[in-house]
């Protein structure tokens, strides 16, 4: 995984720790991590998580069109962010 994507993965991990209010999750997100199964993200957490992603990565998530399969692996989520990111990197 290229450096930019590794950085994104780290930022996603920090956001996950914040959303779940669980610092023990630090460093636990890998490319294969499934956010729902591995970290127990529920529907309310998903909304907070997605809003956090929007803010962190300057993206706009269309909740009606978002494919929640993007949460089945961190790699898929990072690829989604890269594809939708408007921030200068």
C-alpha atoms as a PDB file:
ATOM      1  CA  UNK A   1       0.000   0.000   0.000  1.00  0.00           C
ATOM      2  CA  UNK A   2       1.469   3.348  -0.968  1.00  0.00           C
ATOM      3  CA  UNK A   3       2.396   5.905   1.707  1.00  0.00           C
ATOM      4  CA  UNK A   4      -0.672   8.114   1.181  1.00  0.00           C
ATOM      5  CA  UNK A   5      -2.996   5.147   1.646  1.00  0.00           C
ATOM      6  CA  UNK A   6      -1.102   3.991   4.739  1.00  0.00           C
ATOM      7  CA  UNK A   7      -1.552   7.489   6.174  1.00  0.00           C
ATOM      8  CA  UNK A   8      -5.272   7.336   5.373  1.00  0.00           C
ATOM      9  CA  UNK A   9      -5.483   3.969   7.127  1.00  0.00           C
ATOM     10  CA  UNK A  10      -3.871   5.487  10.202  1.00  0.00           C
ATOM     11  CA  UNK A  11      -6.294   8.420  10.178  1.00  0.00           C
ATOM     12  CA  UNK A  12      -9.239   6.031   9.794  1.00  0.00           C
ATOM     13  CA  UNK A  13      -7.927   4.078  12.799  1.00  0.00           C
ATOM     14  CA  UNK A  14      -7.779   7.267  14.883  1.00  0.00           C
ATOM     15  CA  UNK A  15     -11.339   8.125  13.859  1.00  0.00           C
ATOM     16  CA  UNK A  16     -12.505   4.614  14.752  1.00  0.00           C
ATOM     17  CA  UNK A  17     -10.928   4.913  18.226  1.00  0.00           C
ATOM     18  CA  UNK A  18     -12.741   8.201  18.715  1.00  0.00           C
ATOM     19  CA  UNK A  19     -16.125   6.958  17.461  1.00  0.00           C
ATOM     20  CA  UNK A  20     -15.962   3.779  19.541  1.00  0.00           C
ATOM     21  CA  UNK A  21     -14.390   5.678  22.475  1.00  0.00           C
ATOM     22  CA  UNK A  22     -11.901   2.830  22.737  1.00  0.00           C
ATOM     23  CA  UNK A  23      -8.196   3.725  22.667  1.00  0.00           C
ATOM     24  CA  UNK A  24      -7.314   0.015  22.711  1.00  0.00           C
ATOM     25  CA  UNK A  25      -8.311  -0.106  19.022  1.00  0.00           C
ATOM     26  CA  UNK A  26      -5.243   1.993  18.136  1.00  0.00           C
ATOM     27  CA  UNK A  27      -3.191   0.218  15.516  1.00  0.00           C
ATOM     28  CA  UNK A  28      -5.802  -2.508  15.061  1.00  0.00           C
ATOM     29  CA  UNK A  29      -7.085  -1.488  11.600  1.00  0.00           C
ATOM     30  CA  UNK A  30      -5.468  -3.439   8.770  1.00  0.00           C
ATOM     31  CA  UNK A  31      -6.273  -3.528   5.062  1.00  0.00           C
ATOM     32  CA  UNK A  32      -8.458  -6.578   5.714  1.00  0.00           C
ATOM     33  CA  UNK A  33     -10.367  -5.105   8.682  1.00  0.00           C
ATOM     34  CA  UNK A  34     -14.145  -5.294   8.435  1.00  0.00           C
ATOM     35  CA  UNK A  35     -15.472  -2.326  10.396  1.00  0.00           C
ATOM     36  CA  UNK A  36     -18.836  -3.894  11.162  1.00  0.00           C
ATOM     37  CA  UNK A  37     -17.689  -7.415  12.055  1.00  0.00           C
ATOM     38  CA  UNK A  38     -14.265  -6.690  13.551  1.00  0.00           C
ATOM     39  CA  UNK A  39     -15.053  -3.512  15.460  1.00  0.00           C
ATOM     40  CA  UNK A  40     -18.787  -3.782  16.084  1.00  0.00           C
ATOM     41  CA  UNK A  41     -19.763  -0.570  14.348  1.00  0.00           C
ATOM     42  CA  UNK A  42     -23.545  -0.269  14.576  1.00  0.00           C
ATOM     43  CA  UNK A  43     -25.884   1.952  12.558  1.00  0.00           C
ATOM     44  CA  UNK A  44     -25.382   4.999  14.804  1.00  0.00           C
ATOM     45  CA  UNK A  45     -21.618   4.517  14.762  1.00  0.00           C
ATOM     46  CA  UNK A  46     -21.723   4.287  10.953  1.00  0.00           C
ATOM     47  CA  UNK A  47     -23.346   7.705  10.686  1.00  0.00           C
ATOM     48  CA  UNK A  48     -20.773   9.258  13.047  1.00  0.00           C
ATOM     49  CA  UNK A  49     -17.965   7.406  11.270  1.00  0.00           C
ATOM     50  CA  UNK A  50     -19.067   8.564   7.823  1.00  0.00           C
ATOM     51  CA  UNK A  51     -19.483  12.170   8.990  1.00  0.00           C
ATOM     52  CA  UNK A  52     -16.008  11.965  10.489  1.00  0.00           C
ATOM     53  CA  UNK A  53     -14.635  10.654   7.192  1.00  0.00           C
ATOM     54  CA  UNK A  54     -16.257  13.559   5.367  1.00  0.00           C
ATOM     55  CA  UNK A  55     -14.610  16.038   7.686  1.00  0.00           C
ATOM     56  CA  UNK A  56     -11.232  14.300   7.903  1.00  0.00           C
ATOM     57  CA  UNK A  57     -10.785  13.714   4.178  1.00  0.00           C
ATOM     58  CA  UNK A  58     -12.820  16.596   2.721  1.00  0.00           C
ATOM     59  CA  UNK A  59     -15.164  14.246   0.896  1.00  0.00           C
ATOM     60  CA  UNK A  60     -18.921  14.271   0.516  1.00  0.00           C
ATOM     61  CA  UNK A  61     -20.635  10.944   1.097  1.00  0.00           C
ATOM     62  CA  UNK A  62     -23.998  10.454  -0.581  1.00  0.00           C
ATOM     63  CA  UNK A  63     -25.615   8.172   1.966  1.00  0.00           C
ATOM     64  CA  UNK A  64     -28.305   7.121  -0.511  1.00  0.00           C
ATOM     65  CA  UNK A  65     -25.718   5.991  -3.058  1.00  0.00           C
ATOM     66  CA  UNK A  66     -22.946   4.819  -0.709  1.00  0.00           C
ATOM     67  CA  UNK A  67     -22.136   1.125  -1.080  1.00  0.00           C
ATOM     68  CA  UNK A  68     -21.817  -0.096   2.493  1.00  0.00           C
ATOM     69  CA  UNK A  69     -19.722  -2.986   1.184  1.00  0.00           C
ATOM     70  CA  UNK A  70     -16.956  -0.355   1.321  1.00  0.00           C
ATOM     71  CA  UNK A  71     -16.977  -1.020   5.075  1.00  0.00           C
ATOM     72  CA  UNK A  72     -16.192  -4.717   4.582  1.00  0.00           C
ATOM     73  CA  UNK A  73     -12.488  -3.957   4.303  1.00  0.00           C
ATOM     74  CA  UNK A  74     -10.342  -1.003   5.207  1.00  0.00           C
ATOM     75  CA  UNK A  75      -8.662  -1.274   1.805  1.00  0.00           C
ATOM     76  CA  UNK A  76     -12.009  -0.784   0.050  1.00  0.00           C
ATOM     77  CA  UNK A  77     -12.766   2.213   2.256  1.00  0.00           C
ATOM     78  CA  UNK A  78      -9.357   3.776   1.570  1.00  0.00           C
ATOM     79  CA  UNK A  79      -9.891   3.235  -2.166  1.00  0.00           C
ATOM     80  CA  UNK A  80     -13.279   4.954  -1.862  1.00  0.00           C
ATOM     81  CA  UNK A  81     -11.705   7.904  -0.043  1.00  0.00           C
ATOM     82  CA  UNK A  82      -8.921   8.235  -2.618  1.00  0.00           C
ATOM     83  CA  UNK A  83     -11.491   8.176  -5.426  1.00  0.00           C
ATOM     84  CA  UNK A  84     -13.613  10.892  -3.771  1.00  0.00           C
ATOM     85  CA  UNK A  85     -10.983  13.022  -2.068  1.00  0.00           C
ATOM     86  CA  UNK A  86     -10.868  16.665  -3.098  1.00  0.00           C
ATOM     87  CA  UNK A  87      -8.231  17.740  -0.579  1.00  0.00           C
ATOM     88  CA  UNK A  88      -4.750  18.603  -1.749  1.00  0.00           C
ATOM     89  CA  UNK A  89      -2.461  15.804  -0.624  1.00  0.00           C
END
